[in-house]
Amino acid sequence: MKMKTRYRLFLRRKSVYYAFDDTTKTFTSLKTKDKAEAVRLLVAMNEAGRQPAMNLSLARVYLRHSDPMVSVRTWQHVLDAIIQIKSGPTQVRWKSAAKDKAFDLIRNRILIETQAEHLLEVLRTGTVSTNAFLRKIHNFALDMNWLPATVIPRRQWPAIHYKEKRAITFEEHQKIIAAEVNPERKNLYQLCWHLGASQGDIASLKGEDVDWTNSTVSFVRKKTGVPVLVHLGSEALNLFKDLPSEAHCASRQGPCPPDPYPPARTGSGPDRNNCRPDKTGRANHVDPHPSFRR
């Protein structure tokens, strides 16, 4: 008895051959006008339907001739390859992203054995950062021809939703200032507020950055390299005048001097006598002591 096949061959408008799926009742273009080629494609489609368990093994046999690593390359290999071609801060970010625990779900999985469900599970387990980096990893593997086809189509990737980002309000700033008992730290927060600068920008200011005649401060933002010129009011100028004239701690090598106003240690927060940067890259001890004396 002849086995019933799932796909049948059709020629539409005497041009392109199509395969008709008896199960879904849909047509799929074979994208060829050659009948012999269309028949071979149709046989392959029917064979794939009858022997799904052998498809991956046959694919490995064919792909191994063009890429010997195809049967052993994992997602960790992709991460390692990306990190290797990056440099500087970008490489640091990728090294940190590669440690994401959500990637443990696919880290040792063979690329050609990966299904959409595997990547979706990673996305459900991870964060917004996981979503952003997994897209890049997936696209890198595609561009390198390490994946025979997309695992998740571009339009089916879950949208990235970032949390709301905003600056603190004046009322929140006032609460921070009122709660701070260290005068030097309080001055730092006030300068950050008036200049709209980061702690690192404030700590790098020098006396020559202040134009006392025109009441302005100029500096270059460390993160973006953009020059900034800020006109200061009397309150901000008084903050600069009250600062000591010696150089600030963050610009010197070696241990910091003892804090003249040590905070009450509660077991949390940065150690102000420790100049080593924390995980964010900022110095734990930010002492705004540039030479601001006129």
C-alpha atoms as a PDB file:
ATOM      1  CA  MET A   1       0.000   0.000   0.000  1.00  0.00           C
ATOM      2  CA  LYS A   2       1.372   3.403  -0.995  1.00  0.00           C
ATOM      3  CA  MET A   3       1.977   5.805   1.933  1.00  0.00           C
ATOM      4  CA  LYS A   4       0.058   9.062   1.678  1.00  0.00           C
ATOM      5  CA  THR A   5       2.306  12.064   1.350  1.00  0.00           C
ATOM      6  CA  ARG A   6       1.673  15.385   3.045  1.00  0.00           C
ATOM      7  CA  TYR A   7       2.796  17.693   0.240  1.00  0.00           C
ATOM      8  CA  ARG A   8       1.681  17.724  -3.399  1.00  0.00           C
ATOM      9  CA  LEU A   9       3.193  19.558  -6.352  1.00  0.00           C
ATOM     10  CA  PHE A  10       1.322  22.333  -8.100  1.00  0.00           C
ATOM     11  CA  LEU A  11       2.261  24.607 -10.997  1.00  0.00           C
ATOM     12  CA  ARG A  12       0.630  28.009 -10.803  1.00  0.00           C
ATOM     13  CA  ARG A  13       0.191  30.124 -13.918  1.00  0.00           C
ATOM     14  CA  LYS A  14       2.728  27.966 -15.740  1.00  0.00           C
ATOM     15  CA  SER A  15       5.580  29.701 -13.942  1.00  0.00           C
ATOM     16  CA  VAL A  16       6.567  28.842 -10.355  1.00  0.00           C
ATOM     17  CA  TYR A  17       6.013  25.492  -8.639  1.00  0.00           C
ATOM     18  CA  TYR A  18       4.219  25.330  -5.286  1.00  0.00           C
ATOM     19  CA  ALA A  19       3.842  22.660  -2.612  1.00  0.00           C
ATOM     20  CA  PHE A  20       0.318  22.159  -1.290  1.00  0.00           C
ATOM     21  CA  ASP A  21       0.084  21.051   2.345  1.00  0.00           C
ATOM     22  CA  ASP A  22      -2.803  18.616   2.780  1.00  0.00           C
ATOM     23  CA  THR A  23      -2.685  19.135   6.553  1.00  0.00           C
ATOM     24  CA  THR A  24      -2.882  22.927   6.734  1.00  0.00           C
ATOM     25  CA  LYS A  25      -4.455  23.417   3.294  1.00  0.00           C
ATOM     26  CA  THR A  26      -1.892  26.074   2.398  1.00  0.00           C
ATOM     27  CA  PHE A  27       0.448  26.643  -0.539  1.00  0.00           C
ATOM     28  CA  THR A  28       4.204  27.172  -0.152  1.00  0.00           C
ATOM     29  CA  SER A  29       6.257  28.516  -3.026  1.00  0.00           C
ATOM     30  CA  LEU A  30       9.213  26.341  -4.008  1.00  0.00           C
ATOM     31  CA  LYS A  31      10.707  29.384  -5.768  1.00  0.00           C
ATOM     32  CA  THR A  32      11.710  27.467  -8.885  1.00  0.00           C
ATOM     33  CA  LYS A  33      10.442  27.010 -12.440  1.00  0.00           C
ATOM     34  CA  ASP A  34      12.439  23.809 -12.951  1.00  0.00           C
ATOM     35  CA  LYS A  35      10.200  20.782 -12.483  1.00  0.00           C
ATOM     36  CA  ALA A  36      13.085  18.424 -11.622  1.00  0.00           C
ATOM     37  CA  GLU A  37      14.295  20.760  -8.874  1.00  0.00           C
ATOM     38  CA  ALA A  38      10.741  21.222  -7.614  1.00  0.00           C
ATOM     39  CA  VAL A  39      10.292  17.437  -7.387  1.00  0.00           C
ATOM     40  CA  ARG A  40      13.516  17.095  -5.362  1.00  0.00           C
ATOM     41  CA  LEU A  41      12.356  19.811  -2.964  1.00  0.00           C
ATOM     42  CA  LEU A  42       8.958  18.174  -2.622  1.00  0.00           C
ATOM     43  CA  VAL A  43      10.515  14.783  -1.861  1.00  0.00           C
ATOM     44  CA  ALA A  44      12.709  16.403   0.789  1.00  0.00           C
ATOM     45  CA  MET A  45       9.690  18.065   2.407  1.00  0.00           C
ATOM     46  CA  ASN A  46       7.770  14.783   2.498  1.00  0.00           C
ATOM     47  CA  GLU A  47      10.783  12.911   3.856  1.00  0.00           C
ATOM     48  CA  ALA A  48      11.177  15.528   6.569  1.00  0.00           C
ATOM     49  CA  GLY A  49       7.577  15.005   7.592  1.00  0.00           C
ATOM     50  CA  ARG A  50       7.963  11.225   7.785  1.00  0.00           C
ATOM     51  CA  GLN A  51      11.319  11.169   9.592  1.00  0.00           C
ATOM     52  CA  PRO A  52      11.560  14.270  11.805  1.00  0.00           C
ATOM     53  CA  ALA A  53      13.971  12.551  14.193  1.00  0.00           C
ATOM     54  CA  MET A  54      16.570  12.121  11.464  1.00  0.00           C
ATOM     55  CA  ASN A  55      16.430  15.682  10.123  1.00  0.00           C
ATOM     56  CA  LEU A  56      18.927  17.147  12.576  1.00  0.00           C
ATOM     57  CA  SER A  57      21.370  14.272  12.113  1.00  0.00           C
ATOM     58  CA  LEU A  58      21.249  14.631   8.335  1.00  0.00           C
ATOM     59  CA  ALA A  59      21.685  18.385   8.616  1.00  0.00           C
ATOM     60  CA  ARG A  60      24.779  17.882  10.753  1.00  0.00           C
ATOM     61  CA  VAL A  61      26.300  15.573   8.161  1.00  0.00           C
ATOM     62  CA  TYR A  62      25.824  18.116   5.388  1.00  0.00           C
ATOM     63  CA  LEU A  63      26.834  21.168   7.430  1.00  0.00           C
ATOM     64  CA  ARG A  64      29.942  19.523   8.887  1.00  0.00           C
ATOM     65  CA  HIS A  65      31.565  19.554   5.447  1.00  0.00           C
ATOM     66  CA  SER A  66      31.435  23.358   5.319  1.00  0.00           C
ATOM     67  CA  ASP A  67      31.851  24.041   9.072  1.00  0.00           C
ATOM     68  CA  PRO A  68      33.607  21.410  11.235  1.00  0.00           C
ATOM     69  CA  MET A  69      32.496  23.230  14.433  1.00  0.00           C
ATOM     70  CA  VAL A  70      28.792  23.153  13.627  1.00  0.00           C
ATOM     71  CA  SER A  71      28.086  20.119  15.805  1.00  0.00           C
ATOM     72  CA  VAL A  72      29.927  21.424  18.880  1.00  0.00           C
ATOM     73  CA  ARG A  73      29.549  25.230  18.763  1.00  0.00           C
ATOM     74  CA  THR A  74      27.551  26.515  21.730  1.00  0.00           C
ATOM     75  CA  TRP A  75      26.202  29.901  22.730  1.00  0.00           C
ATOM     76  CA  GLN A  76      29.198  30.306  25.035  1.00  0.00           C
ATOM     77  CA  HIS A  77      31.412  30.123  21.936  1.00  0.00           C
ATOM     78  CA  VAL A  78      29.378  32.990  20.474  1.00  0.00           C
ATOM     79  CA  LEU A  79      29.824  35.066  23.625  1.00  0.00           C
ATOM     80  CA  ASP A  80      33.566  34.395  23.645  1.00  0.00           C
ATOM     81  CA  ALA A  81      33.857  35.413  19.995  1.00  0.00           C
ATOM     82  CA  ILE A  82      32.002  38.691  20.598  1.00  0.00           C
ATOM     83  CA  ILE A  83      34.120  39.564  23.637  1.00  0.00           C
ATOM     84  CA  GLN A  84      37.311  38.823  21.713  1.00  0.00           C
ATOM     85  CA  ILE A  85      36.577  41.353  18.957  1.00  0.00           C
ATOM     86  CA  LYS A  86      35.517  44.110  21.369  1.00  0.00           C
ATOM     87  CA  SER A  87      37.888  46.469  23.153  1.00  0.00           C
ATOM     88  CA  GLY A  88      37.964  49.049  25.905  1.00  0.00           C
ATOM     89  CA  PRO A  89      34.772  49.835  27.846  1.00  0.00           C
ATOM     90  CA  THR A  90      32.667  47.917  25.299  1.00  0.00           C
ATOM     91  CA  GLN A  91      34.582  44.735  26.051  1.00  0.00           C
ATOM     92  CA  VAL A  92      34.105  45.326  29.783  1.00  0.00           C
ATOM     93  CA  ARG A  93      30.342  45.651  29.288  1.00  0.00           C
ATOM     94  CA  TRP A  94      30.199  42.429  27.268  1.00  0.00           C
ATOM     95  CA  LYS A  95      32.232  40.538  29.866  1.00  0.00           C
ATOM     96  CA  SER A  96      29.774  41.673  32.508  1.00  0.00           C
ATOM     97  CA  ALA A  97      26.767  40.784  30.329  1.00  0.00           C
ATOM     98  CA  ALA A  98      28.167  37.301  29.645  1.00  0.00           C
ATOM     99  CA  LYS A  99      27.940  36.542  33.370  1.00  0.00           C
ATOM    100  CA  ASP A 100      24.159  36.983  33.338  1.00  0.00           C
ATOM    101  CA  LYS A 101      22.682  33.913  35.059  1.00  0.00           C
ATOM    102  CA  ALA A 102      19.827  33.817  32.547  1.00  0.00           C
ATOM    103  CA  PHE A 103      22.339  32.814  29.866  1.00  0.00           C
ATOM    104  CA  ASP A 104      23.116  29.659  31.854  1.00  0.00           C
ATOM    105  CA  LEU A 105      19.957  28.180  30.302  1.00  0.00           C
ATOM    106  CA  ILE A 106      21.578  28.158  26.838  1.00  0.00           C
ATOM    107  CA  ARG A 107      25.257  28.647  27.609  1.00  0.00           C
ATOM    108  CA  ASN A 108      26.212  25.042  26.788  1.00  0.00           C
ATOM    109  CA  ARG A 109      23.471  24.358  24.239  1.00  0.00           C
ATOM    110  CA  ILE A 110      24.511  23.565  20.664  1.00  0.00           C
ATOM    111  CA  LEU A 111      23.494  26.394  18.327  1.00  0.00           C
ATOM    112  CA  ILE A 112      21.800  24.257  15.677  1.00  0.00           C
ATOM    113  CA  GLU A 113      19.823  22.433  18.382  1.00  0.00           C
ATOM    114  CA  THR A 114      18.384  25.667  19.762  1.00  0.00           C
ATOM    115  CA  GLN A 115      14.658  26.258  19.410  1.00  0.00           C
ATOM    116  CA  ALA A 116      12.648  29.413  19.970  1.00  0.00           C
ATOM    117  CA  GLU A 117      11.355  28.078  23.295  1.00  0.00           C
ATOM    118  CA  HIS A 118      14.903  28.011  24.665  1.00  0.00           C
ATOM    119  CA  LEU A 119      15.530  31.692  23.912  1.00  0.00           C
ATOM    120  CA  LEU A 120      12.081  32.708  25.156  1.00  0.00           C
ATOM    121  CA  GLU A 121      12.839  30.989  28.465  1.00  0.00           C
ATOM    122  CA  VAL A 122      16.029  33.051  28.743  1.00  0.00           C
ATOM    123  CA  LEU A 123      14.032  36.227  28.107  1.00  0.00           C
ATOM    124  CA  ARG A 124      11.458  35.305  30.761  1.00  0.00           C
ATOM    125  CA  THR A 125      14.198  34.587  33.297  1.00  0.00           C
ATOM    126  CA  GLY A 126      16.369  37.614  32.550  1.00  0.00           C
ATOM    127  CA  THR A 127      16.000  41.371  32.635  1.00  0.00           C
ATOM    128  CA  VAL A 128      15.823  44.192  30.108  1.00  0.00           C
ATOM    129  CA  SER A 129      19.590  43.915  29.698  1.00  0.00           C
ATOM    130  CA  THR A 130      19.232  40.193  28.914  1.00  0.00           C
ATOM    131  CA  ASN A 131      16.767  41.020  26.142  1.00  0.00           C
ATOM    132  CA  ALA A 132      19.063  43.632  24.596  1.00  0.00           C
ATOM    133  CA  PHE A 133      22.194  41.479  24.671  1.00  0.00           C
ATOM    134  CA  LEU A 134      20.468  38.261  23.579  1.00  0.00           C
ATOM    135  CA  ARG A 135      19.263  40.023  20.425  1.00  0.00           C
ATOM    136  CA  LYS A 136      22.840  41.039  19.640  1.00  0.00           C
ATOM    137  CA  ILE A 137      24.160  37.527  20.337  1.00  0.00           C
ATOM    138  CA  HIS A 138      21.481  35.956  18.126  1.00  0.00           C
ATOM    139  CA  ASN A 139      22.149  38.406  15.268  1.00  0.00           C
ATOM    140  CA  PHE A 140      25.920  37.923  15.563  1.00  0.00           C
ATOM    141  CA  ALA A 141      25.525  34.152  15.202  1.00  0.00           C
ATOM    142  CA  LEU A 142      23.310  34.700  12.150  1.00  0.00           C
ATOM    143  CA  ASP A 143      25.774  37.106  10.537  1.00  0.00           C
ATOM    144  CA  MET A 144      28.589  34.612  11.070  1.00  0.00           C
ATOM    145  CA  ASN A 145      26.476  31.873   9.408  1.00  0.00           C
ATOM    146  CA  TRP A 146      26.651  29.800  12.580  1.00  0.00           C
ATOM    147  CA  LEU A 147      22.858  29.543  12.638  1.00  0.00           C
ATOM    148  CA  PRO A 148      21.148  28.108   9.543  1.00  0.00           C
ATOM    149  CA  ALA A 149      18.099  30.350  10.144  1.00  0.00           C
ATOM    150  CA  THR A 150      16.663  32.792  12.657  1.00  0.00           C
ATOM    151  CA  VAL A 151      15.575  31.182  15.903  1.00  0.00           C
ATOM    152  CA  ILE A 152      13.151  33.992  16.767  1.00  0.00           C
ATOM    153  CA  PRO A 153      11.915  36.160  13.872  1.00  0.00           C
ATOM    154  CA  ARG A 154      12.702  39.848  14.221  1.00  0.00           C
ATOM    155  CA  ARG A 155       9.074  40.881  14.737  1.00  0.00           C
ATOM    156  CA  GLN A 156       8.476  38.230  17.391  1.00  0.00           C
ATOM    157  CA  TRP A 157      11.126  39.417  19.843  1.00  0.00           C
ATOM    158  CA  PRO A 158       9.503  40.812  23.006  1.00  0.00           C
ATOM    159  CA  ALA A 159       9.635  44.584  23.098  1.00  0.00           C
ATOM    160  CA  ILE A 160      12.199  46.179  25.401  1.00  0.00           C
ATOM    161  CA  HIS A 161      10.538  48.281  28.097  1.00  0.00           C
ATOM    162  CA  TYR A 162      12.931  50.406  30.135  1.00  0.00           C
ATOM    163  CA  LYS A 163      12.032  51.716  33.548  1.00  0.00           C
ATOM    164  CA  GLU A 164      11.254  55.392  33.876  1.00  0.00           C
ATOM    165  CA  LYS A 165      14.342  57.573  34.229  1.00  0.00           C
ATOM    166  CA  ARG A 166      14.204  61.006  35.772  1.00  0.00           C
ATOM    167  CA  ALA A 167      16.233  63.497  37.728  1.00  0.00           C
ATOM    168  CA  ILE A 168      15.531  64.116  41.401  1.00  0.00           C
ATOM    169  CA  THR A 169      13.174  66.939  42.293  1.00  0.00           C
ATOM    170  CA  PHE A 170      14.137  69.991  44.318  1.00  0.00           C
ATOM    171  CA  GLU A 171      12.212  68.621  47.300  1.00  0.00           C
ATOM    172  CA  GLU A 172      14.137  65.328  47.101  1.00  0.00           C
ATOM    173  CA  HIS A 173      17.399  67.250  46.843  1.00  0.00           C
ATOM    174  CA  GLN A 174      16.521  69.250  49.939  1.00  0.00           C
ATOM    175  CA  LYS A 175      15.807  66.041  51.878  1.00  0.00           C
ATOM    176  CA  ILE A 176      19.210  64.628  50.884  1.00  0.00           C
ATOM    177  CA  ILE A 177      20.994  67.808  51.971  1.00  0.00           C
ATOM    178  CA  ALA A 178      19.110  67.921  55.277  1.00  0.00           C
ATOM    179  CA  ALA A 179      19.967  64.291  56.070  1.00  0.00           C
ATOM    180  CA  GLU A 180      23.697  64.600  55.250  1.00  0.00           C
ATOM    181  CA  VAL A 181      25.864  65.283  58.331  1.00  0.00           C
ATOM    182  CA  ASN A 182      29.226  65.449  56.548  1.00  0.00           C
ATOM    183  CA  PRO A 183      29.815  69.084  55.419  1.00  0.00           C
ATOM    184  CA  GLU A 184      32.153  68.060  52.602  1.00  0.00           C
ATOM    185  CA  ARG A 185      29.727  65.497  51.246  1.00  0.00           C
ATOM    186  CA  LYS A 186      26.913  68.042  51.559  1.00  0.00           C
ATOM    187  CA  ASN A 187      28.928  70.536  49.485  1.00  0.00           C
ATOM    188  CA  LEU A 188      29.491  67.855  46.866  1.00  0.00           C
ATOM    189  CA  TYR A 189      25.753  67.170  46.545  1.00  0.00           C
ATOM    190  CA  GLN A 190      25.009  70.884  46.317  1.00  0.00           C
ATOM    191  CA  LEU A 191      27.594  71.380  43.581  1.00  0.00           C
ATOM    192  CA  CYS A 192      26.149  68.427  41.668  1.00  0.00           C
ATOM    193  CA  TRP A 193      22.747  70.078  41.893  1.00  0.00           C
ATOM    194  CA  HIS A 194      23.890  73.522  40.752  1.00  0.00           C
ATOM    195  CA  LEU A 195      26.157  72.309  37.942  1.00  0.00           C
ATOM    196  CA  GLY A 196      24.141  69.323  36.783  1.00  0.00           C
ATOM    197  CA  ALA A 197      27.356  67.315  36.865  1.00  0.00           C
ATOM    198  CA  SER A 198      28.253  63.841  38.024  1.00  0.00           C
ATOM    199  CA  GLN A 199      30.307  63.194  41.156  1.00  0.00           C
ATOM    200  CA  GLY A 200      33.307  62.364  38.984  1.00  0.00           C
ATOM    201  CA  ASP A 201      32.984  65.646  37.090  1.00  0.00           C
ATOM    202  CA  ILE A 202      32.838  67.597  40.352  1.00  0.00           C
ATOM    203  CA  ALA A 203      35.810  65.745  41.827  1.00  0.00           C
ATOM    204  CA  SER A 204      37.895  66.589  38.732  1.00  0.00           C
ATOM    205  CA  LEU A 205      37.260  70.341  38.827  1.00  0.00           C
ATOM    206  CA  LYS A 206      40.259  72.625  39.222  1.00  0.00           C
ATOM    207  CA  GLY A 207      40.656  76.190  40.370  1.00  0.00           C
ATOM    208  CA  GLU A 208      41.216  77.473  36.849  1.00  0.00           C
ATOM    209  CA  ASP A 209      37.851  76.032  35.806  1.00  0.00           C
ATOM    210  CA  VAL A 210      36.126  78.809  37.776  1.00  0.00           C
ATOM    211  CA  ASP A 211      35.841  82.242  36.148  1.00  0.00           C
ATOM    212  CA  TRP A 212      35.222  84.513  39.099  1.00  0.00           C
ATOM    213  CA  THR A 213      34.856  87.597  36.939  1.00  0.00           C
ATOM    214  CA  ASN A 214      32.019  86.204  34.832  1.00  0.00           C
ATOM    215  CA  SER A 215      30.679  83.846  37.529  1.00  0.00           C
ATOM    216  CA  THR A 216      30.973  80.732  35.353  1.00  0.00           C
ATOM    217  CA  VAL A 217      32.399  77.230  35.652  1.00  0.00           C
ATOM    218  CA  SER A 218      33.611  75.264  32.629  1.00  0.00           C
ATOM    219  CA  PHE A 219      34.403  71.557  32.490  1.00  0.00           C
ATOM    220  CA  VAL A 220      34.200  68.543  30.168  1.00  0.00           C
ATOM    221  CA  ARG A 221      31.799  65.744  31.026  1.00  0.00           C
ATOM    222  CA  LYS A 222      33.772  62.540  31.577  1.00  0.00           C
ATOM    223  CA  LYS A 223      31.083  60.275  30.172  1.00  0.00           C
ATOM    224  CA  THR A 224      30.371  62.085  26.901  1.00  0.00           C
ATOM    225  CA  GLY A 225      33.368  64.373  26.425  1.00  0.00           C
ATOM    226  CA  VAL A 226      31.006  67.327  25.885  1.00  0.00           C
ATOM    227  CA  PRO A 227      32.305  70.715  27.115  1.00  0.00           C
ATOM    228  CA  VAL A 228      29.988  72.528  29.539  1.00  0.00           C
ATOM    229  CA  LEU A 229      29.827  76.181  30.558  1.00  0.00           C
ATOM    230  CA  VAL A 230      27.565  76.954  33.522  1.00  0.00           C
ATOM    231  CA  HIS A 231      26.688  80.406  34.826  1.00  0.00           C
ATOM    232  CA  LEU A 232      26.565  80.343  38.635  1.00  0.00           C
ATOM    233  CA  GLY A 233      24.443  82.245  41.079  1.00  0.00           C
ATOM    234  CA  SER A 234      25.661  83.653  44.356  1.00  0.00           C
ATOM    235  CA  GLU A 235      24.733  80.512  46.315  1.00  0.00           C
ATOM    236  CA  ALA A 236      26.837  78.241  44.097  1.00  0.00           C
ATOM    237  CA  LEU A 237      29.764  80.674  44.090  1.00  0.00           C
ATOM    238  CA  ASN A 238      29.747  80.716  47.866  1.00  0.00           C
ATOM    239  CA  LEU A 239      30.070  76.914  47.859  1.00  0.00           C
ATOM    240  CA  PHE A 240      33.283  77.214  45.817  1.00  0.00           C
ATOM    241  CA  LYS A 241      34.654  79.945  48.058  1.00  0.00           C
ATOM    242  CA  ASP A 242      34.131  77.809  51.151  1.00  0.00           C
ATOM    243  CA  LEU A 243      36.180  74.891  49.788  1.00  0.00           C
ATOM    244  CA  PRO A 244      39.796  74.367  50.892  1.00  0.00           C
ATOM    245  CA  SER A 245      42.547  75.356  48.472  1.00  0.00           C
ATOM    246  CA  GLU A 246      44.469  72.053  48.456  1.00  0.00           C
ATOM    247  CA  ALA A 247      44.031  69.472  45.693  1.00  0.00           C
ATOM    248  CA  HIS A 248      41.201  66.995  45.991  1.00  0.00           C
ATOM    249  CA  CYS A 249      41.770  63.438  47.193  1.00  0.00           C
ATOM    250  CA  ALA A 250      40.482  61.749  44.041  1.00  0.00           C
ATOM    251  CA  SER A 251      43.338  63.200  41.956  1.00  0.00           C
ATOM    252  CA  ARG A 252      46.130  61.751  44.074  1.00  0.00           C
ATOM    253  CA  GLN A 253      47.627  58.312  44.217  1.00  0.00           C
ATOM    254  CA  GLY A 254      47.847  56.428  47.479  1.00  0.00           C
ATOM    255  CA  PRO A 255      45.613  56.352  50.558  1.00  0.00           C
ATOM    256  CA  CYS A 256      43.220  59.180  51.345  1.00  0.00           C
ATOM    257  CA  PRO A 257      43.683  61.305  54.429  1.00  0.00           C
ATOM    258  CA  PRO A 258      41.311  60.608  57.321  1.00  0.00           C
ATOM    259  CA  ASP A 259      37.873  62.135  56.930  1.00  0.00           C
ATOM    260  CA  PRO A 260      37.614  65.045  59.393  1.00  0.00           C
ATOM    261  CA  TYR A 261      33.882  64.347  59.632  1.00  0.00           C
ATOM    262  CA  PRO A 262      33.577  60.568  59.760  1.00  0.00           C
ATOM    263  CA  PRO A 263      29.990  59.373  59.318  1.00  0.00           C
ATOM    264  CA  ALA A 264      28.271  57.018  61.689  1.00  0.00           C
ATOM    265  CA  ARG A 265      28.893  53.558  60.218  1.00  0.00           C
ATOM    266  CA  THR A 266      25.770  51.439  60.098  1.00  0.00           C
ATOM    267  CA  GLY A 267      27.215  48.482  58.192  1.00  0.00           C
ATOM    268  CA  SER A 268      26.212  49.819  54.772  1.00  0.00           C
ATOM    269  CA  GLY A 269      27.351  52.478  52.320  1.00  0.00           C
ATOM    270  CA  PRO A 270      30.818  53.296  50.954  1.00  0.00           C
ATOM    271  CA  ASP A 271      33.910  53.549  53.062  1.00  0.00           C
ATOM    272  CA  ARG A 272      34.969  57.195  52.805  1.00  0.00           C
ATOM    273  CA  ASN A 273      38.558  56.348  53.729  1.00  0.00           C
ATOM    274  CA  ASN A 274      38.813  53.972  50.779  1.00  0.00           C
ATOM    275  CA  CYS A 275      39.679  55.494  47.377  1.00  0.00           C
ATOM    276  CA  ARG A 276      39.223  52.314  45.373  1.00  0.00           C
ATOM    277  CA  PRO A 277      36.325  52.496  42.891  1.00  0.00           C
ATOM    278  CA  ASP A 278      33.190  50.500  43.610  1.00  0.00           C
ATOM    279  CA  LYS A 279      31.300  48.296  41.125  1.00  0.00           C
ATOM    280  CA  THR A 280      29.898  51.353  39.328  1.00  0.00           C
ATOM    281  CA  GLY A 281      33.388  52.663  38.612  1.00  0.00           C
ATOM    282  CA  ARG A 282      32.997  55.681  40.874  1.00  0.00           C
ATOM    283  CA  ALA A 283      35.410  56.354  43.677  1.00  0.00           C
ATOM    284  CA  ASN A 284      33.921  55.520  47.040  1.00  0.00           C
ATOM    285  CA  HIS A 285      35.671  58.553  48.518  1.00  0.00           C
ATOM    286  CA  VAL A 286      34.786  61.661  46.537  1.00  0.00           C
ATOM    287  CA  ASP A 287      36.425  64.641  48.189  1.00  0.00           C
ATOM    288  CA  PRO A 288      35.751  67.906  46.322  1.00  0.00           C
ATOM    289  CA  HIS A 289      38.924  69.795  47.225  1.00  0.00           C
ATOM    290  CA  PRO A 290      40.209  71.510  44.067  1.00  0.00           C
ATOM    291  CA  SER A 291      41.974  74.820  44.459  1.00  0.00           C
ATOM    292  CA  PHE A 292      39.040  77.183  44.214  1.00  0.00           C
ATOM    293  CA  ARG A 293      40.626  80.095  46.123  1.00  0.00           C
ATOM    294  CA  ARG A 294      40.860  83.263  44.148  1.00  0.00           C
END
